[in-house]
Amino acid sequence: METLNMKQLSDDRATKQVAGDLDAMRDLMHDSFRYVDSSGRQFDKETFLDQYVDPAAIQWIAQETVTFDETVTTDLAIVKVLLEERFILGTNAYEGRFWALHLYIKEGDDWLWQGGQATMINE
């Protein structure tokens, strides 16, 4: 896969997440999805959607890619991104930079988001 295509997939994922598009995100995510957020909390597919996509739980202001790097094999892509994020979760507002590692796996002709991990960058 060319860098441009994986970058577009990553950007599309972010756009769907920020828009709160639960159905589109669910279709993009692998059934065995696992994610660890910057607080060390673990999420499966449904709990991630509930916490970080559902507009009833989170109000996204922005999620912007600052840096992007990838390693792609035949059926596995490792994407390393530095994200600037602004969102309101519950009654708390968050703003910061997060280094994230996202894993994608290819099933048939489709790349699915397998999961990943995020770390807040203190600056």
PDB file of N, CA and C in Angstrom:
ATOM      1  N   MET A   1       0.848  -1.179   0.000  1.00  0.00           N
ATOM      2  CA  MET A   1       0.000   0.000   0.000  1.00  0.00           C
ATOM      3  C   MET A   1       0.885   1.232   0.000  1.00  0.00           C
ATOM      4  N   GLU A   2       0.537   2.191  -0.796  1.00  0.00           N
ATOM      5  CA  GLU A   2       1.297   3.421  -0.869  1.00  0.00           C
ATOM      6  C   GLU A   2       1.014   4.280   0.351  1.00  0.00           C
ATOM      7  N   THR A   3       1.991   5.105   0.712  1.00  0.00           N
ATOM      8  CA  THR A   3       1.845   5.985   1.862  1.00  0.00           C
ATOM      9  C   THR A   3       0.600   6.844   1.743  1.00  0.00           C
ATOM     10  N   LEU A   4       0.353   7.394   0.578  1.00  0.00           N
ATOM     11  CA  LEU A   4      -0.795   8.263   0.397  1.00  0.00           C
ATOM     12  C   LEU A   4      -2.092   7.544   0.762  1.00  0.00           C
ATOM     13  N   ASN A   5      -2.238   6.290   0.373  1.00  0.00           N
ATOM     14  CA  ASN A   5      -3.451   5.543   0.672  1.00  0.00           C
ATOM     15  C   ASN A   5      -3.606   5.274   2.165  1.00  0.00           C
ATOM     16  N   MET A   6      -2.538   4.898   2.853  1.00  0.00           N
ATOM     17  CA  MET A   6      -2.621   4.643   4.290  1.00  0.00           C
ATOM     18  C   MET A   6      -2.851   5.959   5.034  1.00  0.00           C
ATOM     19  N   LYS A   7      -2.250   7.039   4.575  1.00  0.00           N
ATOM     20  CA  LYS A   7      -2.482   8.359   5.178  1.00  0.00           C
ATOM     21  C   LYS A   7      -3.944   8.733   5.009  1.00  0.00           C
ATOM     22  N   GLN A   8      -4.510   8.469   3.841  1.00  0.00           N
ATOM     23  CA  GLN A   8      -5.924   8.778   3.610  1.00  0.00           C
ATOM     24  C   GLN A   8      -6.814   7.946   4.532  1.00  0.00           C
ATOM     25  N   LEU A   9      -6.486   6.673   4.716  1.00  0.00           N
ATOM     26  CA  LEU A   9      -7.244   5.824   5.627  1.00  0.00           C
ATOM     27  C   LEU A   9      -7.182   6.373   7.052  1.00  0.00           C
ATOM     28  N   SER A  10      -5.998   6.786   7.485  1.00  0.00           N
ATOM     29  CA  SER A  10      -5.819   7.355   8.812  1.00  0.00           C
ATOM     30  C   SER A  10      -6.619   8.652   8.967  1.00  0.00           C
ATOM     31  N   ASP A  11      -6.563   9.500   7.956  1.00  0.00           N
ATOM     32  CA  ASP A  11      -7.320  10.755   7.984  1.00  0.00           C
ATOM     33  C   ASP A  11      -8.826  10.486   7.994  1.00  0.00           C
ATOM     34  N   ASP A  12      -9.273   9.510   7.200  1.00  0.00           N
ATOM     35  CA  ASP A  12     -10.695   9.152   7.165  1.00  0.00           C
ATOM     36  C   ASP A  12     -11.160   8.650   8.528  1.00  0.00           C
ATOM     37  N   ARG A  13     -10.317   7.841   9.182  1.00  0.00           N
ATOM     38  CA  ARG A  13     -10.653   7.346  10.518  1.00  0.00           C
ATOM     39  C   ARG A  13     -10.850   8.512  11.476  1.00  0.00           C
ATOM     40  N   ALA A  14      -9.930   9.475  11.440  1.00  0.00           N
ATOM     41  CA  ALA A  14     -10.024  10.633  12.325  1.00  0.00           C
ATOM     42  C   ALA A  14     -11.278  11.454  12.030  1.00  0.00           C
ATOM     43  N   THR A  15     -11.580  11.655  10.757  1.00  0.00           N
ATOM     44  CA  THR A  15     -12.765  12.422  10.369  1.00  0.00           C
ATOM     45  C   THR A  15     -14.036  11.759  10.872  1.00  0.00           C
ATOM     46  N   LYS A  16     -14.132  10.448  10.732  1.00  0.00           N
ATOM     47  CA  LYS A  16     -15.314   9.708  11.196  1.00  0.00           C
ATOM     48  C   LYS A  16     -15.424   9.759  12.719  1.00  0.00           C
ATOM     49  N   GLN A  17     -14.288   9.659  13.400  1.00  0.00           N
ATOM     50  CA  GLN A  17     -14.290   9.702  14.862  1.00  0.00           C
ATOM     51  C   GLN A  17     -14.758  11.067  15.347  1.00  0.00           C
ATOM     52  N   VAL A  18     -14.181  12.133  14.804  1.00  0.00           N
ATOM     53  CA  VAL A  18     -14.532  13.488  15.220  1.00  0.00           C
ATOM     54  C   VAL A  18     -15.996  13.793  14.897  1.00  0.00           C
ATOM     55  N   ALA A  19     -16.495  13.266  13.778  1.00  0.00           N
ATOM     56  CA  ALA A  19     -17.893  13.486  13.389  1.00  0.00           C
ATOM     57  C   ALA A  19     -18.875  12.685  14.241  1.00  0.00           C
ATOM     58  N   GLY A  20     -18.356  11.718  15.019  1.00  0.00           N
ATOM     59  CA  GLY A  20     -19.229  10.886  15.841  1.00  0.00           C
ATOM     60  C   GLY A  20     -20.027   9.890  15.026  1.00  0.00           C
ATOM     61  N   ASP A  21     -19.479   9.483  13.888  1.00  0.00           N
ATOM     62  CA  ASP A  21     -20.161   8.554  12.986  1.00  0.00           C
ATOM     63  C   ASP A  21     -19.949   7.117  13.470  1.00  0.00           C
ATOM     64  N   LEU A  22     -20.814   6.675  14.359  1.00  0.00           N
ATOM     65  CA  LEU A  22     -20.675   5.360  14.988  1.00  0.00           C
ATOM     66  C   LEU A  22     -20.712   4.222  13.974  1.00  0.00           C
ATOM     67  N   ASP A  23     -21.625   4.271  13.017  1.00  0.00           N
ATOM     68  CA  ASP A  23     -21.740   3.188  12.036  1.00  0.00           C
ATOM     69  C   ASP A  23     -20.505   3.091  11.152  1.00  0.00           C
ATOM     70  N   ALA A  24     -20.012   4.232  10.662  1.00  0.00           N
ATOM     71  CA  ALA A  24     -18.823   4.226   9.811  1.00  0.00           C
ATOM     72  C   ALA A  24     -17.602   3.753  10.590  1.00  0.00           C
ATOM     73  N   MET A  25     -17.469   4.182  11.841  1.00  0.00           N
ATOM     74  CA  MET A  25     -16.339   3.731  12.662  1.00  0.00           C
ATOM     75  C   MET A  25     -16.439   2.239  12.944  1.00  0.00           C
ATOM     76  N   ARG A  26     -17.625   1.768  13.251  1.00  0.00           N
ATOM     77  CA  ARG A  26     -17.823   0.336  13.532  1.00  0.00           C
ATOM     78  C   ARG A  26     -17.392  -0.503  12.325  1.00  0.00           C
ATOM     79  N   ASP A  27     -17.721  -0.030  11.117  1.00  0.00           N
ATOM     80  CA  ASP A  27     -17.340  -0.740   9.893  1.00  0.00           C
ATOM     81  C   ASP A  27     -15.838  -0.724   9.658  1.00  0.00           C
ATOM     82  N   LEU A  28     -15.154   0.307  10.124  1.00  0.00           N
ATOM     83  CA  LEU A  28     -13.707   0.447   9.933  1.00  0.00           C
ATOM     84  C   LEU A  28     -12.907  -0.382  10.941  1.00  0.00           C
ATOM     85  N   MET A  29     -13.518  -0.729  12.068  1.00  0.00           N
ATOM     86  CA  MET A  29     -12.813  -1.390  13.163  1.00  0.00           C
ATOM     87  C   MET A  29     -12.954  -2.902  13.085  1.00  0.00           C
ATOM     88  N   HIS A  30     -11.865  -3.603  13.368  1.00  0.00           N
ATOM     89  CA  HIS A  30     -11.863  -5.066  13.418  1.00  0.00           C
ATOM     90  C   HIS A  30     -12.638  -5.511  14.655  1.00  0.00           C
ATOM     91  N   ASP A  31     -13.268  -6.672  14.565  1.00  0.00           N
ATOM     92  CA  ASP A  31     -14.050  -7.182  15.702  1.00  0.00           C
ATOM     93  C   ASP A  31     -13.196  -7.431  16.940  1.00  0.00           C
ATOM     94  N   SER A  32     -11.913  -7.732  16.755  1.00  0.00           N
ATOM     95  CA  SER A  32     -11.037  -7.972  17.913  1.00  0.00           C
ATOM     96  C   SER A  32     -10.250  -6.715  18.300  1.00  0.00           C
ATOM     97  N   PHE A  33     -10.774  -5.559  17.949  1.00  0.00           N
ATOM     98  CA  PHE A  33     -10.144  -4.268  18.247  1.00  0.00           C
ATOM     99  C   PHE A  33      -9.804  -4.134  19.734  1.00  0.00           C
ATOM    100  N   ARG A  34      -8.604  -3.610  20.006  1.00  0.00           N
ATOM    101  CA  ARG A  34      -8.166  -3.307  21.370  1.00  0.00           C
ATOM    102  C   ARG A  34      -7.399  -1.987  21.345  1.00  0.00           C
ATOM    103  N   TYR A  35      -7.644  -1.144  22.355  1.00  0.00           N
ATOM    104  CA  TYR A  35      -6.980   0.155  22.419  1.00  0.00           C
ATOM    105  C   TYR A  35      -6.658   0.478  23.873  1.00  0.00           C
ATOM    106  N   VAL A  36      -5.511   1.097  24.096  1.00  0.00           N
ATOM    107  CA  VAL A  36      -5.122   1.591  25.419  1.00  0.00           C
ATOM    108  C   VAL A  36      -4.950   3.096  25.283  1.00  0.00           C
ATOM    109  N   ASP A  37      -5.733   3.856  26.046  1.00  0.00           N
ATOM    110  CA  ASP A  37      -5.638   5.310  25.931  1.00  0.00           C
ATOM    111  C   ASP A  37      -4.481   5.843  26.774  1.00  0.00           C
ATOM    112  N   SER A  38      -4.306   7.155  26.760  1.00  0.00           N
ATOM    113  CA  SER A  38      -3.146   7.752  27.427  1.00  0.00           C
ATOM    114  C   SER A  38      -3.225   7.665  28.947  1.00  0.00           C
ATOM    115  N   SER A  39      -4.378   7.279  29.484  1.00  0.00           N
ATOM    116  CA  SER A  39      -4.511   7.065  30.929  1.00  0.00           C
ATOM    117  C   SER A  39      -4.321   5.612  31.313  1.00  0.00           C
ATOM    118  N   GLY A  40      -4.049   4.766  30.311  1.00  0.00           N
ATOM    119  CA  GLY A  40      -3.828   3.354  30.569  1.00  0.00           C
ATOM    120  C   GLY A  40      -5.102   2.523  30.603  1.00  0.00           C
ATOM    121  N   ARG A  41      -6.226   3.138  30.261  1.00  0.00           N
ATOM    122  CA  ARG A  41      -7.487   2.398  30.238  1.00  0.00           C
ATOM    123  C   ARG A  41      -7.572   1.586  28.950  1.00  0.00           C
ATOM    124  N   GLN A  42      -8.116   0.371  29.071  1.00  0.00           N
ATOM    125  CA  GLN A  42      -8.227  -0.536  27.933  1.00  0.00           C
ATOM    126  C   GLN A  42      -9.654  -0.547  27.399  1.00  0.00           C
ATOM    127  N   PHE A  43      -9.765  -0.606  26.069  1.00  0.00           N
ATOM    128  CA  PHE A  43     -11.058  -0.575  25.407  1.00  0.00           C
ATOM    129  C   PHE A  43     -11.141  -1.669  24.355  1.00  0.00           C
ATOM    130  N   ASP A  44     -12.315  -2.282  24.245  1.00  0.00           N
ATOM    131  CA  ASP A  44     -12.599  -3.136  23.096  1.00  0.00           C
ATOM    132  C   ASP A  44     -13.368  -2.259  22.098  1.00  0.00           C
ATOM    133  N   LYS A  45     -13.847  -2.861  21.045  1.00  0.00           N
ATOM    134  CA  LYS A  45     -14.505  -2.100  19.985  1.00  0.00           C
ATOM    135  C   LYS A  45     -15.692  -1.283  20.515  1.00  0.00           C
ATOM    136  N   GLU A  46     -16.593  -1.929  21.218  1.00  0.00           N
ATOM    137  CA  GLU A  46     -17.811  -1.234  21.662  1.00  0.00           C
ATOM    138  C   GLU A  46     -17.526  -0.188  22.737  1.00  0.00           C
ATOM    139  N   THR A  47     -16.621  -0.494  23.664  1.00  0.00           N
ATOM    140  CA  THR A  47     -16.345   0.500  24.710  1.00  0.00           C
ATOM    141  C   THR A  47     -15.578   1.693  24.146  1.00  0.00           C
ATOM    142  N   PHE A  48     -14.728   1.478  23.121  1.00  0.00           N
ATOM    143  CA  PHE A  48     -14.056   2.602  22.456  1.00  0.00           C
ATOM    144  C   PHE A  48     -15.089   3.482  21.757  1.00  0.00           C
ATOM    145  N   LEU A  49     -16.015   2.857  21.042  1.00  0.00           N
ATOM    146  CA  LEU A  49     -17.062   3.624  20.364  1.00  0.00           C
ATOM    147  C   LEU A  49     -17.880   4.420  21.376  1.00  0.00           C
ATOM    148  N   ASP A  50     -18.219   3.803  22.501  1.00  0.00           N
ATOM    149  CA  ASP A  50     -18.998   4.482  23.538  1.00  0.00           C
ATOM    150  C   ASP A  50     -18.258   5.682  24.125  1.00  0.00           C
ATOM    151  N   GLN A  51     -16.954   5.538  24.346  1.00  0.00           N
ATOM    152  CA  GLN A  51     -16.177   6.571  25.031  1.00  0.00           C
ATOM    153  C   GLN A  51     -15.633   7.647  24.098  1.00  0.00           C
ATOM    154  N   TYR A  52     -15.126   7.242  22.918  1.00  0.00           N
ATOM    155  CA  TYR A  52     -14.364   8.174  22.079  1.00  0.00           C
ATOM    156  C   TYR A  52     -15.000   8.511  20.737  1.00  0.00           C
ATOM    157  N   VAL A  53     -16.206   7.994  20.470  1.00  0.00           N
ATOM    158  CA  VAL A  53     -16.869   8.317  19.201  1.00  0.00           C
ATOM    159  C   VAL A  53     -18.277   8.846  19.430  1.00  0.00           C
ATOM    160  N   ASP A  54     -19.028   8.233  20.314  1.00  0.00           N
ATOM    161  CA  ASP A  54     -20.433   8.580  20.538  1.00  0.00           C
ATOM    162  C   ASP A  54     -20.565  10.047  20.972  1.00  0.00           C
ATOM    163  N   PRO A  55     -21.277  10.859  20.185  1.00  0.00           N
ATOM    164  CA  PRO A  55     -21.430  12.281  20.538  1.00  0.00           C
ATOM    165  C   PRO A  55     -22.128  12.503  21.879  1.00  0.00           C
ATOM    166  N   ALA A  56     -22.826  11.497  22.400  1.00  0.00           N
ATOM    167  CA  ALA A  56     -23.441  11.631  23.719  1.00  0.00           C
ATOM    168  C   ALA A  56     -22.389  11.616  24.830  1.00  0.00           C
ATOM    169  N   ALA A  57     -21.196  11.084  24.537  1.00  0.00           N
ATOM    170  CA  ALA A  57     -20.137  10.968  25.548  1.00  0.00           C
ATOM    171  C   ALA A  57     -19.004  11.965  25.337  1.00  0.00           C
ATOM    172  N   ILE A  58     -18.714  12.289  24.079  1.00  0.00           N
ATOM    173  CA  ILE A  58     -17.550  13.122  23.777  1.00  0.00           C
ATOM    174  C   ILE A  58     -17.904  14.157  22.718  1.00  0.00           C
ATOM    175  N   GLN A  59     -17.437  15.363  22.929  1.00  0.00           N
ATOM    176  CA  GLN A  59     -17.599  16.423  21.933  1.00  0.00           C
ATOM    177  C   GLN A  59     -16.212  16.742  21.388  1.00  0.00           C
ATOM    178  N   TRP A  60     -15.967  16.324  20.148  1.00  0.00           N
ATOM    179  CA  TRP A  60     -14.678  16.585  19.519  1.00  0.00           C
ATOM    180  C   TRP A  60     -14.653  18.003  18.974  1.00  0.00           C
ATOM    181  N   ILE A  61     -13.580  18.692  19.252  1.00  0.00           N
ATOM    182  CA  ILE A  61     -13.352  20.014  18.673  1.00  0.00           C
ATOM    183  C   ILE A  61     -12.400  19.862  17.496  1.00  0.00           C
ATOM    184  N   ALA A  62     -11.347  19.075  17.687  1.00  0.00           N
ATOM    185  CA  ALA A  62     -10.399  18.829  16.587  1.00  0.00           C
ATOM    186  C   ALA A  62      -9.517  17.640  16.919  1.00  0.00           C
ATOM    187  N   GLN A  63      -9.087  16.945  15.867  1.00  0.00           N
ATOM    188  CA  GLN A  63      -8.052  15.912  15.960  1.00  0.00           C
ATOM    189  C   GLN A  63      -7.219  16.071  14.688  1.00  0.00           C
ATOM    190  N   GLU A  64      -6.030  16.642  14.843  1.00  0.00           N
ATOM    191  CA  GLU A  64      -5.198  16.972  13.692  1.00  0.00           C
ATOM    192  C   GLU A  64      -3.901  16.177  13.725  1.00  0.00           C
ATOM    193  N   THR A  65      -3.507  15.662  12.573  1.00  0.00           N
ATOM    194  CA  THR A  65      -2.258  14.920  12.453  1.00  0.00           C
ATOM    195  C   THR A  65      -1.108  15.900  12.272  1.00  0.00           C
ATOM    196  N   VAL A  66      -0.122  15.821  13.170  1.00  0.00           N
ATOM    197  CA  VAL A  66       1.066  16.672  13.097  1.00  0.00           C
ATOM    198  C   VAL A  66       2.165  15.940  12.334  1.00  0.00           C
ATOM    199  N   THR A  67       2.407  14.679  12.693  1.00  0.00           N
ATOM    200  CA  THR A  67       3.378  13.849  11.968  1.00  0.00           C
ATOM    201  C   THR A  67       2.734  12.508  11.660  1.00  0.00           C
ATOM    202  N   PHE A  68       3.214  11.869  10.599  1.00  0.00           N
ATOM    203  CA  PHE A  68       2.672  10.594  10.158  1.00  0.00           C
ATOM    204  C   PHE A  68       3.824   9.742   9.637  1.00  0.00           C
ATOM    205  N   ASP A  69       3.864   8.487  10.087  1.00  0.00           N
ATOM    206  CA  ASP A  69       4.863   7.540   9.595  1.00  0.00           C
ATOM    207  C   ASP A  69       4.203   6.164   9.556  1.00  0.00           C
ATOM    208  N   GLU A  70       4.595   5.353   8.610  1.00  0.00           N
ATOM    209  CA  GLU A  70       3.982   4.043   8.462  1.00  0.00           C
ATOM    210  C   GLU A  70       5.004   2.987   8.099  1.00  0.00           C
ATOM    211  N   THR A  71       4.660   1.759   8.455  1.00  0.00           N
ATOM    212  CA  THR A  71       5.350   0.566   7.976  1.00  0.00           C
ATOM    213  C   THR A  71       4.253  -0.371   7.510  1.00  0.00           C
ATOM    214  N   VAL A  72       4.292  -0.773   6.246  1.00  0.00           N
ATOM    215  CA  VAL A  72       3.224  -1.576   5.668  1.00  0.00           C
ATOM    216  C   VAL A  72       3.801  -2.852   5.080  1.00  0.00           C
ATOM    217  N   THR A  73       3.198  -3.994   5.440  1.00  0.00           N
ATOM    218  CA  THR A  73       3.512  -5.268   4.806  1.00  0.00           C
ATOM    219  C   THR A  73       2.284  -5.698   4.002  1.00  0.00           C
ATOM    220  N   THR A  74       2.248  -6.914   3.600  1.00  0.00           N
ATOM    221  CA  THR A  74       1.134  -7.405   2.795  1.00  0.00           C
ATOM    222  C   THR A  74      -0.206  -7.245   3.495  1.00  0.00           C
ATOM    223  N   ASP A  75      -0.271  -7.571   4.799  1.00  0.00           N
ATOM    224  CA  ASP A  75      -1.558  -7.537   5.493  1.00  0.00           C
ATOM    225  C   ASP A  75      -1.511  -6.879   6.865  1.00  0.00           C
ATOM    226  N   LEU A  76      -0.450  -6.113   7.145  1.00  0.00           N
ATOM    227  CA  LEU A  76      -0.323  -5.404   8.415  1.00  0.00           C
ATOM    228  C   LEU A  76       0.273  -4.026   8.163  1.00  0.00           C
ATOM    229  N   ALA A  77      -0.336  -3.023   8.778  1.00  0.00           N
ATOM    230  CA  ALA A  77       0.195  -1.659   8.697  1.00  0.00           C
ATOM    231  C   ALA A  77       0.341  -1.119  10.113  1.00  0.00           C
ATOM    232  N   ILE A  78       1.511  -0.573  10.383  1.00  0.00           N
ATOM    233  CA  ILE A  78       1.786   0.096  11.652  1.00  0.00           C
ATOM    234  C   ILE A  78       1.882   1.576  11.333  1.00  0.00           C
ATOM    235  N   VAL A  79       1.000   2.358  11.941  1.00  0.00           N
ATOM    236  CA  VAL A  79       0.957   3.796  11.692  1.00  0.00           C
ATOM    237  C   VAL A  79       1.320   4.512  12.984  1.00  0.00           C
ATOM    238  N   LYS A  80       2.318   5.388  12.888  1.00  0.00           N
ATOM    239  CA  LYS A  80       2.745   6.197  14.033  1.00  0.00           C
ATOM    240  C   LYS A  80       2.389   7.642  13.726  1.00  0.00           C
ATOM    241  N   VAL A  81       1.594   8.244  14.614  1.00  0.00           N
ATOM    242  CA  VAL A  81       1.149   9.618  14.394  1.00  0.00           C
ATOM    243  C   VAL A  81       1.322  10.438  15.663  1.00  0.00           C
ATOM    244  N   LEU A  82       1.592  11.700  15.453  1.00  0.00           N
ATOM    245  CA  LEU A  82       1.522  12.678  16.525  1.00  0.00           C
ATOM    246  C   LEU A  82       0.262  13.480  16.255  1.00  0.00           C
ATOM    247  N   LEU A  83      -0.657  13.452  17.215  1.00  0.00           N
ATOM    248  CA  LEU A  83      -1.956  14.106  17.050  1.00  0.00           C
ATOM    249  C   LEU A  83      -2.090  15.276  18.004  1.00  0.00           C
ATOM    250  N   GLU A  84      -2.683  16.345  17.516  1.00  0.00           N
ATOM    251  CA  GLU A  84      -3.132  17.427  18.385  1.00  0.00           C
ATOM    252  C   GLU A  84      -4.632  17.246  18.534  1.00  0.00           C
ATOM    253  N   GLU A  85      -5.070  17.108  19.775  1.00  0.00           N
ATOM    254  CA  GLU A  85      -6.481  16.840  20.019  1.00  0.00           C
ATOM    255  C   GLU A  85      -7.065  17.852  20.986  1.00  0.00           C
ATOM    256  N   ARG A  86      -8.334  18.208  20.710  1.00  0.00           N
ATOM    257  CA  ARG A  86      -9.111  19.055  21.594  1.00  0.00           C
ATOM    258  C   ARG A  86     -10.510  18.441  21.660  1.00  0.00           C
ATOM    259  N   PHE A  87     -10.961  18.158  22.885  1.00  0.00           N
ATOM    260  CA  PHE A  87     -12.277  17.549  23.041  1.00  0.00           C
ATOM    261  C   PHE A  87     -12.803  17.786  24.445  1.00  0.00           C
ATOM    262  N   ILE A  88     -14.100  17.592  24.596  1.00  0.00           N
ATOM    263  CA  ILE A  88     -14.755  17.683  25.892  1.00  0.00           C
ATOM    264  C   ILE A  88     -15.322  16.305  26.194  1.00  0.00           C
ATOM    265  N   LEU A  89     -14.903  15.759  27.317  1.00  0.00           N
ATOM    266  CA  LEU A  89     -15.344  14.437  27.757  1.00  0.00           C
ATOM    267  C   LEU A  89     -16.042  14.631  29.097  1.00  0.00           C
ATOM    268  N   GLY A  90     -17.349  14.419  29.098  1.00  0.00           N
ATOM    269  CA  GLY A  90     -18.111  14.704  30.312  1.00  0.00           C
ATOM    270  C   GLY A  90     -18.113  16.198  30.560  1.00  0.00           C
ATOM    271  N   THR A  91     -17.619  16.599  31.707  1.00  0.00           N
ATOM    272  CA  THR A  91     -17.547  18.031  32.035  1.00  0.00           C
ATOM    273  C   THR A  91     -16.123  18.564  31.947  1.00  0.00           C
ATOM    274  N   ASN A  92     -15.190  17.740  31.470  1.00  0.00           N
ATOM    275  CA  ASN A  92     -13.788  18.139  31.403  1.00  0.00           C
ATOM    276  C   ASN A  92     -13.353  18.415  29.965  1.00  0.00           C
ATOM    277  N   ALA A  93     -12.639  19.507  29.775  1.00  0.00           N
ATOM    278  CA  ALA A  93     -12.068  19.847  28.468  1.00  0.00           C
ATOM    279  C   ALA A  93     -10.621  19.374  28.439  1.00  0.00           C
ATOM    280  N   TYR A  94     -10.226  18.800  27.319  1.00  0.00           N
ATOM    281  CA  TYR A  94      -8.870  18.295  27.137  1.00  0.00           C
ATOM    282  C   TYR A  94      -8.257  18.923  25.897  1.00  0.00           C
ATOM    283  N   GLU A  95      -6.980  19.227  25.999  1.00  0.00           N
ATOM    284  CA  GLU A  95      -6.226  19.723  24.855  1.00  0.00           C
ATOM    285  C   GLU A  95      -4.799  19.245  25.027  1.00  0.00           C
ATOM    286  N   GLY A  96      -4.249  18.664  23.974  1.00  0.00           N
ATOM    287  CA  GLY A  96      -2.877  18.207  24.087  1.00  0.00           C
ATOM    288  C   GLY A  96      -2.403  17.488  22.848  1.00  0.00           C
ATOM    289  N   ARG A  97      -1.148  17.086  22.931  1.00  0.00           N
ATOM    290  CA  ARG A  97      -0.534  16.299  21.866  1.00  0.00           C
ATOM    291  C   ARG A  97      -0.406  14.863  22.353  1.00  0.00           C
ATOM    292  N   PHE A  98      -0.733  13.950  21.458  1.00  0.00           N
ATOM    293  CA  PHE A  98      -0.699  12.537  21.778  1.00  0.00           C
ATOM    294  C   PHE A  98       0.081  11.804  20.706  1.00  0.00           C
ATOM    295  N   TRP A  99       1.042  10.993  21.128  1.00  0.00           N
ATOM    296  CA  TRP A  99       1.724  10.102  20.200  1.00  0.00           C
ATOM    297  C   TRP A  99       0.896   8.837  20.194  1.00  0.00           C
ATOM    298  N   ALA A 100       0.515   8.389  18.997  1.00  0.00           N
ATOM    299  CA  ALA A 100      -0.339   7.206  18.904  1.00  0.00           C
ATOM    300  C   ALA A 100       0.254   6.198  17.934  1.00  0.00           C
ATOM    301  N   LEU A 101       0.092   4.953  18.286  1.00  0.00           N
ATOM    302  CA  LEU A 101       0.472   3.830  17.449  1.00  0.00           C
ATOM    303  C   LEU A 101      -0.822   3.127  17.067  1.00  0.00           C
ATOM    304  N   HIS A 102      -1.120   3.081  15.775  1.00  0.00           N
ATOM    305  CA  HIS A 102      -2.332   2.432  15.289  1.00  0.00           C
ATOM    306  C   HIS A 102      -1.952   1.241  14.423  1.00  0.00           C
ATOM    307  N   LEU A 103      -2.631   0.139  14.625  1.00  0.00           N
ATOM    308  CA  LEU A 103      -2.400  -1.071  13.840  1.00  0.00           C
ATOM    309  C   LEU A 103      -3.611  -1.318  12.952  1.00  0.00           C
ATOM    310  N   TYR A 104      -3.330  -1.604  11.692  1.00  0.00           N
ATOM    311  CA  TYR A 104      -4.367  -1.955  10.725  1.00  0.00           C
ATOM    312  C   TYR A 104      -4.032  -3.327  10.161  1.00  0.00           C
ATOM    313  N   ILE A 105      -5.060  -4.145   9.945  1.00  0.00           N
ATOM    314  CA  ILE A 105      -4.851  -5.434   9.290  1.00  0.00           C
ATOM    315  C   ILE A 105      -5.731  -5.487   8.047  1.00  0.00           C
ATOM    316  N   LYS A 106      -5.236  -6.215   7.062  1.00  0.00           N
ATOM    317  CA  LYS A 106      -5.965  -6.328   5.811  1.00  0.00           C
ATOM    318  C   LYS A 106      -6.740  -7.639   5.796  1.00  0.00           C
ATOM    319  N   GLU A 107      -8.034  -7.531   5.538  1.00  0.00           N
ATOM    320  CA  GLU A 107      -8.886  -8.701   5.378  1.00  0.00           C
ATOM    321  C   GLU A 107      -9.541  -8.583   4.011  1.00  0.00           C
ATOM    322  N   GLY A 108      -9.181  -9.486   3.119  1.00  0.00           N
ATOM    323  CA  GLY A 108      -9.653  -9.375   1.737  1.00  0.00           C
ATOM    324  C   GLY A 108      -9.045  -8.132   1.117  1.00  0.00           C
ATOM    325  N   ASP A 109      -9.895  -7.249   0.635  1.00  0.00           N
ATOM    326  CA  ASP A 109      -9.429  -5.992   0.042  1.00  0.00           C
ATOM    327  C   ASP A 109      -9.510  -4.824   1.006  1.00  0.00           C
ATOM    328  N   ASP A 110      -9.966  -5.071   2.233  1.00  0.00           N
ATOM    329  CA  ASP A 110     -10.219  -3.989   3.180  1.00  0.00           C
ATOM    330  C   ASP A 110      -9.182  -3.943   4.298  1.00  0.00           C
ATOM    331  N   TRP A 111      -8.773  -2.726   4.629  1.00  0.00           N
ATOM    332  CA  TRP A 111      -7.932  -2.498   5.800  1.00  0.00           C
ATOM    333  C   TRP A 111      -8.844  -2.158   6.960  1.00  0.00           C
ATOM    334  N   LEU A 112      -8.660  -2.837   8.093  1.00  0.00           N
ATOM    335  CA  LEU A 112      -9.459  -2.604   9.288  1.00  0.00           C
ATOM    336  C   LEU A 112      -8.556  -2.136  10.422  1.00  0.00           C
ATOM    337  N   TRP A 113      -9.065  -1.202  11.214  1.00  0.00           N
ATOM    338  CA  TRP A 113      -8.324  -0.685  12.356  1.00  0.00           C
ATOM    339  C   TRP A 113      -8.365  -1.740  13.457  1.00  0.00           C
ATOM    340  N   GLN A 114      -7.207  -2.326  13.762  1.00  0.00           N
ATOM    341  CA  GLN A 114      -7.082  -3.397  14.753  1.00  0.00           C
ATOM    342  C   GLN A 114      -7.007  -2.843  16.164  1.00  0.00           C
ATOM    343  N   GLY A 115      -6.447  -1.629  16.303  1.00  0.00           N
ATOM    344  CA  GLY A 115      -6.325  -1.023  17.630  1.00  0.00           C
ATOM    345  C   GLY A 115      -5.052  -0.229  17.738  1.00  0.00           C
ATOM    346  N   GLY A 116      -4.644  -0.004  18.978  1.00  0.00           N
ATOM    347  CA  GLY A 116      -3.418   0.754  19.187  1.00  0.00           C
ATOM    348  C   GLY A 116      -3.285   1.250  20.607  1.00  0.00           C
ATOM    349  N   GLN A 117      -2.480   2.296  20.720  1.00  0.00           N
ATOM    350  CA  GLN A 117      -2.137   2.856  22.027  1.00  0.00           C
ATOM    351  C   GLN A 117      -1.790   4.318  21.855  1.00  0.00           C
ATOM    352  N   ALA A 118      -2.130   5.133  22.853  1.00  0.00           N
ATOM    353  CA  ALA A 118      -1.821   6.563  22.822  1.00  0.00           C
ATOM    354  C   ALA A 118      -1.068   6.968  24.081  1.00  0.00           C
ATOM    355  N   THR A 119      -0.168   7.923  23.920  1.00  0.00           N
ATOM    356  CA  THR A 119       0.587   8.469  25.041  1.00  0.00           C
ATOM    357  C   THR A 119       0.544   9.994  24.939  1.00  0.00           C
ATOM    358  N   MET A 120       0.204  10.647  26.039  1.00  0.00           N
ATOM    359  CA  MET A 120       0.198  12.105  26.030  1.00  0.00           C
ATOM    360  C   MET A 120       1.630  12.616  26.071  1.00  0.00           C
ATOM    361  N   ILE A 121       1.900  13.613  25.260  1.00  0.00           N
ATOM    362  CA  ILE A 121       3.229  14.222  25.189  1.00  0.00           C
ATOM    363  C   ILE A 121       3.221  15.477  26.052  1.00  0.00           C
ATOM    364  N   ASN A 122       4.063  15.527  27.063  1.00  0.00           N
ATOM    365  CA  ASN A 122       4.187  16.707  27.902  1.00  0.00           C
ATOM    366  C   ASN A 122       5.180  17.665  27.283  1.00  0.00           C
ATOM    367  N   GLU A 123       4.714  18.865  27.038  1.00  0.00           N
ATOM    368  CA  GLU A 123       5.598  19.868  26.439  1.00  0.00           C
ATOM    369  C   GLU A 123       5.700  21.088  27.312  1.00  0.00           C
TER     370      GLU A 123
END
